[in-house]
PDB file of N, CA and C in Angstrom:
ATOM      1  N   UNK A   1      -5.443   6.890  -1.561  1.00  0.00           N
ATOM      2  CA  UNK A   1      -4.153   7.365  -0.862  1.00  0.00           C
ATOM      3  C   UNK A   1      -4.239   8.914   0.168  1.00  0.00           C
ATOM      4  N   UNK A   2      -5.679   9.674  -0.330  1.00  0.00           N
ATOM      5  CA  UNK A   2      -5.718  10.613   0.413  1.00  0.00           C
ATOM      6  C   UNK A   2      -6.326  10.147   1.675  1.00  0.00           C
ATOM      7  N   UNK A   3      -7.237   9.359   1.943  1.00  0.00           N
ATOM      8  CA  UNK A   3      -7.657   9.090   3.329  1.00  0.00           C
ATOM      9  C   UNK A   3      -6.533   8.164   4.258  1.00  0.00           C
ATOM     10  N   UNK A   4      -5.372   7.262   3.315  1.00  0.00           N
ATOM     11  CA  UNK A   4      -4.780   6.690   4.042  1.00  0.00           C
ATOM     12  C   UNK A   4      -3.746   7.332   4.661  1.00  0.00           C
ATOM     13  N   UNK A   5      -2.856   7.904   3.676  1.00  0.00           N
ATOM     14  CA  UNK A   5      -1.686   9.004   4.356  1.00  0.00           C
ATOM     15  C   UNK A   5      -1.740   9.797   5.579  1.00  0.00           C
ATOM     16  N   UNK A   6      -3.036  10.698   5.626  1.00  0.00           N
ATOM     17  CA  UNK A   6      -3.039  11.289   7.149  1.00  0.00           C
ATOM     18  C   UNK A   6      -3.176  10.053   8.464  1.00  0.00           C
ATOM     19  N   UNK A   7      -3.985   9.294   7.665  1.00  0.00           N
ATOM     20  CA  UNK A   7      -4.175   8.065   8.899  1.00  0.00           C
ATOM     21  C   UNK A   7      -2.971   7.490   9.813  1.00  0.00           C
ATOM     22  N   UNK A   8      -1.598   7.275   8.120  1.00  0.00           N
ATOM     23  CA  UNK A   8      -0.591   6.283   8.219  1.00  0.00           C
ATOM     24  C   UNK A   8       0.142   7.363   9.219  1.00  0.00           C
ATOM     25  N   UNK A   9      -0.026   8.563   8.830  1.00  0.00           N
ATOM     26  CA  UNK A   9       1.179   9.646   8.779  1.00  0.00           C
ATOM     27  C   UNK A   9       0.929   9.637  11.029  1.00  0.00           C
ATOM     28  N   UNK A  10      -0.263  10.192  10.797  1.00  0.00           N
ATOM     29  CA  UNK A  10      -0.449  10.067  12.307  1.00  0.00           C
ATOM     30  C   UNK A  10      -0.322   8.804  13.305  1.00  0.00           C
ATOM     31  N   UNK A  11      -0.874   7.535  12.779  1.00  0.00           N
ATOM     32  CA  UNK A  11      -0.238   6.653  13.820  1.00  0.00           C
ATOM     33  C   UNK A  11       0.825   6.595  14.054  1.00  0.00           C
ATOM     34  N   UNK A  12       2.050   7.040  12.787  1.00  0.00           N
ATOM     35  CA  UNK A  12       3.519   6.924  12.967  1.00  0.00           C
ATOM     36  C   UNK A  12       4.234   7.606  14.341  1.00  0.00           C
ATOM     37  N   UNK A  13       3.282   8.997  13.938  1.00  0.00           N
ATOM     38  CA  UNK A  13       3.811  10.301  14.704  1.00  0.00           C
ATOM     39  C   UNK A  13       3.485   9.715  16.061  1.00  0.00           C
ATOM     40  N   UNK A  14       2.461   9.291  16.151  1.00  0.00           N
ATOM     41  CA  UNK A  14       1.702   9.335  17.926  1.00  0.00           C
ATOM     42  C   UNK A  14       2.723   7.905  18.479  1.00  0.00           C
ATOM     43  N   UNK A  15       3.071   7.152  17.421  1.00  0.00           N
ATOM     44  CA  UNK A  15       3.728   5.655  18.197  1.00  0.00           C
ATOM     45  C   UNK A  15       5.519   6.048  18.707  1.00  0.00           C
ATOM     46  N   UNK A  16       5.559   7.437  17.485  1.00  0.00           N
ATOM     47  CA  UNK A  16       7.091   7.818  17.450  1.00  0.00           C
ATOM     48  C   UNK A  16       7.521   8.491  18.181  1.00  0.00           C
ATOM     49  N   UNK A  17       6.357  10.129  18.206  1.00  0.00           N
ATOM     50  CA  UNK A  17       7.295  10.999  19.170  1.00  0.00           C
ATOM     51  C   UNK A  17       7.213  11.051  20.525  1.00  0.00           C
ATOM     52  N   UNK A  18       6.046  10.625  21.410  1.00  0.00           N
ATOM     53  CA  UNK A  18       6.546  10.711  22.576  1.00  0.00           C
ATOM     54  C   UNK A  18       7.574   9.857  23.433  1.00  0.00           C
ATOM     55  N   UNK A  19       7.020   8.296  22.920  1.00  0.00           N
ATOM     56  CA  UNK A  19       8.329   7.739  23.261  1.00  0.00           C
ATOM     57  C   UNK A  19       8.390   6.440  22.150  1.00  0.00           C
ATOM     58  N   UNK A  20       9.260   6.047  21.756  1.00  0.00           N
ATOM     59  CA  UNK A  20       9.244   5.420  20.893  1.00  0.00           C
ATOM     60  C   UNK A  20       8.918   3.850  21.079  1.00  0.00           C
ATOM     61  N   UNK A  21       7.698   3.783  20.559  1.00  0.00           N
ATOM     62  CA  UNK A  21       6.701   2.803  21.031  1.00  0.00           C
ATOM     63  C   UNK A  21       6.395   1.755  19.824  1.00  0.00           C
ATOM     64  N   UNK A  22       7.471   1.641  18.931  1.00  0.00           N
ATOM     65  CA  UNK A  22       7.261   1.360  17.385  1.00  0.00           C
ATOM     66  C   UNK A  22       7.006  -0.563  17.815  1.00  0.00           C
ATOM     67  N   UNK A  23       5.913  -0.927  17.638  1.00  0.00           N
ATOM     68  CA  UNK A  23       5.692  -2.844  17.310  1.00  0.00           C
ATOM     69  C   UNK A  23       5.740  -3.112  16.128  1.00  0.00           C
ATOM     70  N   UNK A  24       6.028  -4.329  16.083  1.00  0.00           N
ATOM     71  CA  UNK A  24       5.676  -5.393  14.935  1.00  0.00           C
ATOM     72  C   UNK A  24       4.561  -4.404  13.726  1.00  0.00           C
ATOM     73  N   UNK A  25       3.280  -4.625  14.343  1.00  0.00           N
ATOM     74  CA  UNK A  25       2.505  -4.185  13.657  1.00  0.00           C
ATOM     75  C   UNK A  25       2.663  -2.271  12.654  1.00  0.00           C
ATOM     76  N   UNK A  26       3.491  -1.829  13.648  1.00  0.00           N
ATOM     77  CA  UNK A  26       3.642  -0.616  12.657  1.00  0.00           C
ATOM     78  C   UNK A  26       4.861  -0.696  11.909  1.00  0.00           C
ATOM     79  N   UNK A  27       5.537  -1.629  11.826  1.00  0.00           N
ATOM     80  CA  UNK A  27       6.660  -1.644  10.969  1.00  0.00           C
ATOM     81  C   UNK A  27       6.152  -2.494   9.644  1.00  0.00           C
ATOM     82  N   UNK A  28       5.379  -3.433  10.059  1.00  0.00           N
ATOM     83  CA  UNK A  28       4.249  -3.813   8.661  1.00  0.00           C
ATOM     84  C   UNK A  28       3.159  -2.889   8.101  1.00  0.00           C
ATOM     85  N   UNK A  29       2.782  -1.913   9.008  1.00  0.00           N
ATOM     86  CA  UNK A  29       1.948  -1.204   8.589  1.00  0.00           C
ATOM     87  C   UNK A  29       2.771   0.163   7.375  1.00  0.00           C
ATOM     88  N   UNK A  30       3.708   0.241   7.997  1.00  0.00           N
ATOM     89  CA  UNK A  30       4.655   1.043   7.143  1.00  0.00           C
ATOM     90  C   UNK A  30       5.422   0.326   5.688  1.00  0.00           C
ATOM     91  N   UNK A  31       5.069  -0.745   5.570  1.00  0.00           N
ATOM     92  CA  UNK A  31       5.818  -1.155   4.575  1.00  0.00           C
ATOM     93  C   UNK A  31       4.562  -1.425   3.515  1.00  0.00           C
ATOM     94  N   UNK A  32       3.643  -1.912   4.022  1.00  0.00           N
ATOM     95  CA  UNK A  32       2.153  -2.083   3.401  1.00  0.00           C
ATOM     96  C   UNK A  32       1.872  -0.632   2.862  1.00  0.00           C
ATOM     97  N   UNK A  33       2.179   0.710   4.050  1.00  0.00           N
ATOM     98  CA  UNK A  33       1.924   1.879   2.813  1.00  0.00           C
ATOM     99  C   UNK A  33       2.770   2.141   1.800  1.00  0.00           C
ATOM    100  N   UNK A  34       3.926   1.330   1.839  1.00  0.00           N
ATOM    101  CA  UNK A  34       5.096   1.435   0.750  1.00  0.00           C
ATOM    102  C   UNK A  34       4.374   0.933  -0.328  1.00  0.00           C
ATOM    103  N   UNK A  35       3.836  -0.312  -0.181  1.00  0.00           N
ATOM    104  CA  UNK A  35       3.490  -0.617  -1.702  1.00  0.00           C
ATOM    105  C   UNK A  35       2.753  -0.426  -1.589  1.00  0.00           C
ATOM    106  N   UNK A  36       1.588   0.307  -1.187  1.00  0.00           N
ATOM    107  CA  UNK A  36       0.214   0.674  -1.755  1.00  0.00           C
ATOM    108  C   UNK A  36       0.726   1.870  -2.528  1.00  0.00           C
ATOM    109  N   UNK A  37       1.373   3.041  -1.795  1.00  0.00           N
ATOM    110  CA  UNK A  37       2.050   4.360  -2.470  1.00  0.00           C
ATOM    111  C   UNK A  37       2.370   3.431  -4.019  1.00  0.00           C
ATOM    112  N   UNK A  38       3.224   2.559  -4.042  1.00  0.00           N
ATOM    113  CA  UNK A  38       4.130   1.876  -5.418  1.00  0.00           C
ATOM    114  C   UNK A  38       2.826   1.352  -6.131  1.00  0.00           C
ATOM    115  N   UNK A  39       2.001   0.671  -5.247  1.00  0.00           N
ATOM    116  CA  UNK A  39       1.106   0.524  -6.745  1.00  0.00           C
ATOM    117  C   UNK A  39      -0.167   1.735  -7.192  1.00  0.00           C
ATOM    118  N   UNK A  40       0.235   2.737  -6.392  1.00  0.00           N
ATOM    119  CA  UNK A  40      -0.491   3.942  -6.867  1.00  0.00           C
ATOM    120  C   UNK A  40       0.118   4.608  -7.991  1.00  0.00           C
ATOM    121  N   UNK A  41       1.305   4.539  -7.804  1.00  0.00           N
ATOM    122  CA  UNK A  41       2.392   5.174  -8.891  1.00  0.00           C
ATOM    123  C   UNK A  41       2.252   4.269  -9.827  1.00  0.00           C
ATOM    124  N   UNK A  42       2.247   3.261  -9.949  1.00  0.00           N
ATOM    125  CA  UNK A  42       2.424   1.783 -11.080  1.00  0.00           C
ATOM    126  C   UNK A  42       0.816   2.187 -11.821  1.00  0.00           C
ATOM    127  N   UNK A  43       0.196   2.648 -10.967  1.00  0.00           N
ATOM    128  CA  UNK A  43      -1.400   2.537 -11.805  1.00  0.00           C
ATOM    129  C   UNK A  43      -1.675   4.050 -12.170  1.00  0.00           C
ATOM    130  N   UNK A  44      -1.105   5.209 -11.880  1.00  0.00           N
ATOM    131  CA  UNK A  44      -1.282   6.267 -12.258  1.00  0.00           C
ATOM    132  C   UNK A  44      -0.457   6.151 -13.870  1.00  0.00           C
ATOM    133  N   UNK A  45       0.707   5.548 -13.611  1.00  0.00           N
ATOM    134  CA  UNK A  45       1.649   5.505 -15.154  1.00  0.00           C
ATOM    135  C   UNK A  45       1.011   5.186 -16.103  1.00  0.00           C
ATOM    136  N   UNK A  46      -0.110   3.893 -15.727  1.00  0.00           N
ATOM    137  CA  UNK A  46      -0.670   2.739 -16.702  1.00  0.00           C
ATOM    138  C   UNK A  46      -1.640   3.905 -17.652  1.00  0.00           C
ATOM    139  N   UNK A  47      -2.140   4.689 -17.070  1.00  0.00           N
ATOM    140  CA  UNK A  47      -2.918   5.513 -17.253  1.00  0.00           C
ATOM    141  C   UNK A  47      -2.336   6.537 -18.614  1.00  0.00           C
ATOM    142  N   UNK A  48      -1.188   6.934 -18.256  1.00  0.00           N
ATOM    143  CA  UNK A  48      -0.342   7.589 -19.287  1.00  0.00           C
ATOM    144  C   UNK A  48      -0.225   6.495 -20.583  1.00  0.00           C
ATOM    145  N   UNK A  49      -0.419   5.377 -20.351  1.00  0.00           N
ATOM    146  CA  UNK A  49       0.340   4.118 -21.299  1.00  0.00           C
ATOM    147  C   UNK A  49      -1.034   4.170 -22.125  1.00  0.00           C
ATOM    148  N   UNK A  50      -2.019   4.484 -21.587  1.00  0.00           N
ATOM    149  CA  UNK A  50      -3.611   4.406 -22.449  1.00  0.00           C
ATOM    150  C   UNK A  50      -4.747   3.703 -21.878  1.00  0.00           C
ATOM    151  N   UNK A  51      -4.532   3.291 -20.509  1.00  0.00           N
ATOM    152  CA  UNK A  51      -5.491   2.592 -19.406  1.00  0.00           C
ATOM    153  C   UNK A  51      -6.740   3.337 -19.467  1.00  0.00           C
ATOM    154  N   UNK A  52      -8.159   3.602 -19.677  1.00  0.00           N
ATOM    155  CA  UNK A  52      -8.751   3.993 -20.052  1.00  0.00           C
ATOM    156  C   UNK A  52      -9.570   4.197 -20.983  1.00  0.00           C
ATOM    157  N   UNK A  53      -8.835   4.031 -22.005  1.00  0.00           N
ATOM    158  CA  UNK A  53      -9.025   4.935 -23.384  1.00  0.00           C
ATOM    159  C   UNK A  53     -10.042   3.754 -24.245  1.00  0.00           C
ATOM    160  N   UNK A  54     -10.219   3.989 -24.909  1.00  0.00           N
ATOM    161  CA  UNK A  54     -10.863   3.182 -26.122  1.00  0.00           C
ATOM    162  C   UNK A  54      -9.647   2.292 -26.773  1.00  0.00           C
ATOM    163  N   UNK A  55      -9.817   0.565 -27.199  1.00  0.00           N
ATOM    164  CA  UNK A  55      -8.868   0.122 -27.386  1.00  0.00           C
ATOM    165  C   UNK A  55      -8.572  -0.091 -29.036  1.00  0.00           C
ATOM    166  N   UNK A  56      -9.172   0.627 -29.360  1.00  0.00           N
ATOM    167  CA  UNK A  56      -8.755   1.344 -31.137  1.00  0.00           C
ATOM    168  C   UNK A  56      -8.278   2.224 -30.953  1.00  0.00           C
ATOM    169  N   UNK A  57      -7.524   3.724 -29.887  1.00  0.00           N
ATOM    170  CA  UNK A  57      -6.602   4.190 -30.124  1.00  0.00           C
ATOM    171  C   UNK A  57      -5.586   4.132 -29.356  1.00  0.00           C
ATOM    172  N   UNK A  58      -5.160   2.616 -29.176  1.00  0.00           N
ATOM    173  CA  UNK A  58      -3.824   2.395 -28.588  1.00  0.00           C
ATOM    174  C   UNK A  58      -2.795   1.502 -29.254  1.00  0.00           C
ATOM    175  N   UNK A  59      -2.066   1.621 -29.470  1.00  0.00           N
ATOM    176  CA  UNK A  59      -0.882   0.682 -30.011  1.00  0.00           C
ATOM    177  C   UNK A  59      -0.583  -0.197 -29.618  1.00  0.00           C
ATOM    178  N   UNK A  60       0.297  -1.346 -30.251  1.00  0.00           N
ATOM    179  CA  UNK A  60       0.305  -2.547 -29.500  1.00  0.00           C
ATOM    180  C   UNK A  60       1.574  -2.519 -28.717  1.00  0.00           C
ATOM    181  N   UNK A  61       2.447  -1.555 -28.332  1.00  0.00           N
ATOM    182  CA  UNK A  61       3.268  -1.396 -27.942  1.00  0.00           C
ATOM    183  C   UNK A  61       2.950  -0.931 -26.598  1.00  0.00           C
ATOM    184  N   UNK A  62       1.883  -0.184 -26.680  1.00  0.00           N
ATOM    185  CA  UNK A  62       1.724   0.881 -25.304  1.00  0.00           C
ATOM    186  C   UNK A  62       0.394  -0.334 -24.670  1.00  0.00           C
ATOM    187  N   UNK A  63      -0.213  -1.072 -26.008  1.00  0.00           N
ATOM    188  CA  UNK A  63      -0.887  -2.485 -24.619  1.00  0.00           C
ATOM    189  C   UNK A  63       0.221  -3.412 -24.136  1.00  0.00           C
ATOM    190  N   UNK A  64       1.184  -3.386 -24.844  1.00  0.00           N
ATOM    191  CA  UNK A  64       2.172  -4.624 -24.018  1.00  0.00           C
ATOM    192  C   UNK A  64       2.599  -3.592 -22.338  1.00  0.00           C
ATOM    193  N   UNK A  65       2.694  -2.931 -23.001  1.00  0.00           N
ATOM    194  CA  UNK A  65       3.762  -1.924 -21.583  1.00  0.00           C
ATOM    195  C   UNK A  65       2.000  -2.016 -20.219  1.00  0.00           C
ATOM    196  N   UNK A  66       1.261  -1.807 -20.865  1.00  0.00           N
ATOM    197  CA  UNK A  66      -0.445  -1.676 -19.867  1.00  0.00           C
ATOM    198  C   UNK A  66       0.021  -2.746 -19.532  1.00  0.00           C
ATOM    199  N   UNK A  67      -0.060  -4.184 -20.120  1.00  0.00           N
ATOM    200  CA  UNK A  67      -0.232  -5.768 -19.548  1.00  0.00           C
ATOM    201  C   UNK A  67       0.908  -5.155 -18.447  1.00  0.00           C
ATOM    202  N   UNK A  68       2.524  -5.349 -18.833  1.00  0.00           N
ATOM    203  CA  UNK A  68       3.264  -4.815 -17.905  1.00  0.00           C
ATOM    204  C   UNK A  68       2.895  -4.409 -16.444  1.00  0.00           C
ATOM    205  N   UNK A  69       2.452  -3.215 -16.886  1.00  0.00           N
ATOM    206  CA  UNK A  69       1.992  -2.602 -15.640  1.00  0.00           C
ATOM    207  C   UNK A  69       0.936  -2.731 -14.975  1.00  0.00           C
ATOM    208  N   UNK A  70      -0.008  -3.500 -15.465  1.00  0.00           N
ATOM    209  CA  UNK A  70      -1.362  -4.303 -14.763  1.00  0.00           C
ATOM    210  C   UNK A  70      -0.994  -4.978 -13.738  1.00  0.00           C
ATOM    211  N   UNK A  71       0.002  -6.278 -14.224  1.00  0.00           N
ATOM    212  CA  UNK A  71       0.756  -7.259 -13.836  1.00  0.00           C
ATOM    213  C   UNK A  71       1.479  -6.870 -12.136  1.00  0.00           C
ATOM    214  N   UNK A  72       2.764  -6.121 -12.512  1.00  0.00           N
ATOM    215  CA  UNK A  72       2.838  -5.016 -11.378  1.00  0.00           C
ATOM    216  C   UNK A  72       2.159  -4.719 -10.840  1.00  0.00           C
ATOM    217  N   UNK A  73       0.971  -4.131 -10.980  1.00  0.00           N
ATOM    218  CA  UNK A  73       0.053  -3.360  -9.605  1.00  0.00           C
ATOM    219  C   UNK A  73      -0.572  -4.733  -9.288  1.00  0.00           C
ATOM    220  N   UNK A  74      -0.889  -5.936  -9.802  1.00  0.00           N
ATOM    221  CA  UNK A  74      -1.550  -6.766  -8.867  1.00  0.00           C
ATOM    222  C   UNK A  74      -1.295  -7.804  -8.227  1.00  0.00           C
ATOM    223  N   UNK A  75       0.553  -7.637  -8.611  1.00  0.00           N
ATOM    224  CA  UNK A  75       0.879  -7.940  -7.557  1.00  0.00           C
ATOM    225  C   UNK A  75       1.652  -6.908  -6.176  1.00  0.00           C
ATOM    226  N   UNK A  76       1.939  -5.876  -6.006  1.00  0.00           N
ATOM    227  CA  UNK A  76       2.174  -5.178  -5.707  1.00  0.00           C
ATOM    228  C   UNK A  76       0.469  -5.197  -4.847  1.00  0.00           C
ATOM    229  N   UNK A  77      -0.461  -4.794  -5.570  1.00  0.00           N
ATOM    230  CA  UNK A  77      -1.668  -5.061  -4.504  1.00  0.00           C
ATOM    231  C   UNK A  77      -1.758  -6.261  -3.058  1.00  0.00           C
ATOM    232  N   UNK A  78      -1.386  -7.171  -4.363  1.00  0.00           N
ATOM    233  CA  UNK A  78      -1.679  -8.664  -3.384  1.00  0.00           C
ATOM    234  C   UNK A  78      -0.938  -8.656  -2.385  1.00  0.00           C
ATOM    235  N   UNK A  79       0.223  -8.118  -1.837  1.00  0.00           N
ATOM    236  CA  UNK A  79       1.729  -7.959  -1.278  1.00  0.00           C
ATOM    237  C   UNK A  79       0.942  -6.854  -0.155  1.00  0.00           C
ATOM    238  N   UNK A  80       0.870  -5.691  -0.543  1.00  0.00           N
ATOM    239  CA  UNK A  80       0.148  -4.931   0.204  1.00  0.00           C
ATOM    240  C   UNK A  80      -0.902  -5.214   0.964  1.00  0.00           C
ATOM    241  N   UNK A  81      -2.423  -6.094   0.150  1.00  0.00           N
ATOM    242  CA  UNK A  81      -3.122  -6.443   0.993  1.00  0.00           C
ATOM    243  C   UNK A  81      -3.076  -7.646   2.251  1.00  0.00           C
ATOM    244  N   UNK A  82      -2.258  -8.348   1.850  1.00  0.00           N
ATOM    245  CA  UNK A  82      -1.338  -9.306   2.705  1.00  0.00           C
ATOM    246  C   UNK A  82      -0.725  -8.883   4.294  1.00  0.00           C
ATOM    247  N   UNK A  83       0.267  -7.622   3.796  1.00  0.00           N
ATOM    248  CA  UNK A  83       0.597  -7.111   4.917  1.00  0.00           C
ATOM    249  C   UNK A  83      -0.433  -6.040   5.682  1.00  0.00           C
ATOM    250  N   UNK A  84      -1.400  -5.705   5.502  1.00  0.00           N
ATOM    251  CA  UNK A  84      -2.075  -4.965   6.307  1.00  0.00           C
ATOM    252  C   UNK A  84      -2.653  -6.144   6.922  1.00  0.00           C
ATOM    253  N   UNK A  85      -3.359  -6.979   6.570  1.00  0.00           N
ATOM    254  CA  UNK A  85      -3.550  -8.494   7.613  1.00  0.00           C
ATOM    255  C   UNK A  85      -2.811  -8.550   8.331  1.00  0.00           C
ATOM    256  N   UNK A  86      -1.552  -8.764   7.874  1.00  0.00           N
ATOM    257  CA  UNK A  86      -0.900  -9.268   8.877  1.00  0.00           C
ATOM    258  C   UNK A  86      -0.183  -8.178   9.712  1.00  0.00           C
ATOM    259  N   UNK A  87      -0.453  -6.706   9.511  1.00  0.00           N
ATOM    260  CA  UNK A  87      -0.294  -5.866  10.536  1.00  0.00           C
ATOM    261  C   UNK A  87      -1.682  -5.800  11.752  1.00  0.00           C
ATOM    262  N   UNK A  88      -2.919  -6.135  11.314  1.00  0.00           N
ATOM    263  CA  UNK A  88      -3.570  -6.124  11.984  1.00  0.00           C
ATOM    264  C   UNK A  88      -3.960  -7.341  12.743  1.00  0.00           C
ATOM    265  N   UNK A  89      -3.348  -8.425  12.081  1.00  0.00           N
ATOM    266  CA  UNK A  89      -3.300  -9.142  13.430  1.00  0.00           C
ATOM    267  C   UNK A  89      -1.789  -9.434  14.093  1.00  0.00           C
ATOM    268  N   UNK A  90      -1.039  -8.816  13.867  1.00  0.00           N
ATOM    269  CA  UNK A  90       0.068  -8.416  14.887  1.00  0.00           C
ATOM    270  C   UNK A  90      -0.282  -7.222  15.888  1.00  0.00           C
ATOM    271  N   UNK A  91      -1.407  -6.381  15.603  1.00  0.00           N
ATOM    272  CA  UNK A  91      -2.145  -5.595  16.116  1.00  0.00           C
ATOM    273  C   UNK A  91      -2.648  -6.268  17.718  1.00  0.00           C
ATOM    274  N   UNK A  92      -3.713  -6.947  16.923  1.00  0.00           N
ATOM    275  CA  UNK A  92      -4.473  -7.796  18.097  1.00  0.00           C
ATOM    276  C   UNK A  92      -3.741  -8.509  18.850  1.00  0.00           C
ATOM    277  N   UNK A  93      -2.655  -9.363  18.762  1.00  0.00           N
ATOM    278  CA  UNK A  93      -1.714 -10.162  19.157  1.00  0.00           C
ATOM    279  C   UNK A  93      -1.252  -9.105  20.568  1.00  0.00           C
ATOM    280  N   UNK A  94      -0.529  -7.772  20.131  1.00  0.00           N
ATOM    281  CA  UNK A  94      -0.106  -7.039  21.085  1.00  0.00           C
ATOM    282  C   UNK A  94      -1.724  -6.585  22.111  1.00  0.00           C
ATOM    283  N   UNK A  95      -2.671  -6.056  21.530  1.00  0.00           N
ATOM    284  CA  UNK A  95      -3.393  -5.594  22.418  1.00  0.00           C
ATOM    285  C   UNK A  95      -3.595  -6.976  23.455  1.00  0.00           C
ATOM    286  N   UNK A  96      -4.103  -8.107  22.926  1.00  0.00           N
ATOM    287  CA  UNK A  96      -4.126  -9.081  23.722  1.00  0.00           C
ATOM    288  C   UNK A  96      -2.869  -9.025  24.698  1.00  0.00           C
ATOM    289  N   UNK A  97      -1.471  -9.122  24.590  1.00  0.00           N
ATOM    290  CA  UNK A  97      -0.687  -9.205  25.485  1.00  0.00           C
ATOM    291  C   UNK A  97      -0.626  -7.792  26.378  1.00  0.00           C
ATOM    292  N   UNK A  98      -0.876  -6.506  25.865  1.00  0.00           N
ATOM    293  CA  UNK A  98      -1.127  -5.290  26.836  1.00  0.00           C
ATOM    294  C   UNK A  98      -1.600  -5.565  26.921  1.00  0.00           C
ATOM    295  N   UNK A  99      -2.258  -5.191  28.540  1.00  0.00           N
ATOM    296  CA  UNK A  99      -3.349  -5.202  29.499  1.00  0.00           C
ATOM    297  C   UNK A  99      -3.192  -3.561  29.741  1.00  0.00           C
ATOM    298  N   UNK A 100      -2.425  -2.833  29.636  1.00  0.00           N
ATOM    299  CA  UNK A 100      -2.046  -1.507  30.237  1.00  0.00           C
ATOM    300  C   UNK A 100      -3.255  -0.304  29.696  1.00  0.00           C
ATOM    301  N   UNK A 101      -3.925  -0.484  28.001  1.00  0.00           N
ATOM    302  CA  UNK A 101      -4.545  -0.075  27.574  1.00  0.00           C
ATOM    303  C   UNK A 101      -6.189   0.037  28.223  1.00  0.00           C
TER     304      UNK A 101
END
């Protein structure tokens, strides 16, 4: 998150401020950034419930809650990776069509 946040903000700023040049790839990367941020929040919340601790010190209810959070994190991660790949594909298609770069 520390590396990707400034890069995503810089990309949005450069495509948005001088002229509104948002393409499909920019919208998709914004969606993927939101998914990655949600995954990061879910992962941080799972630490509060006991991820990283010894299994002997975790109660059964906390373990169940960690299982739900781990499943949600995997789903968010899979969708985030898929949207990143879609964004890269859209960017390559845009670069093939535009000869101005």
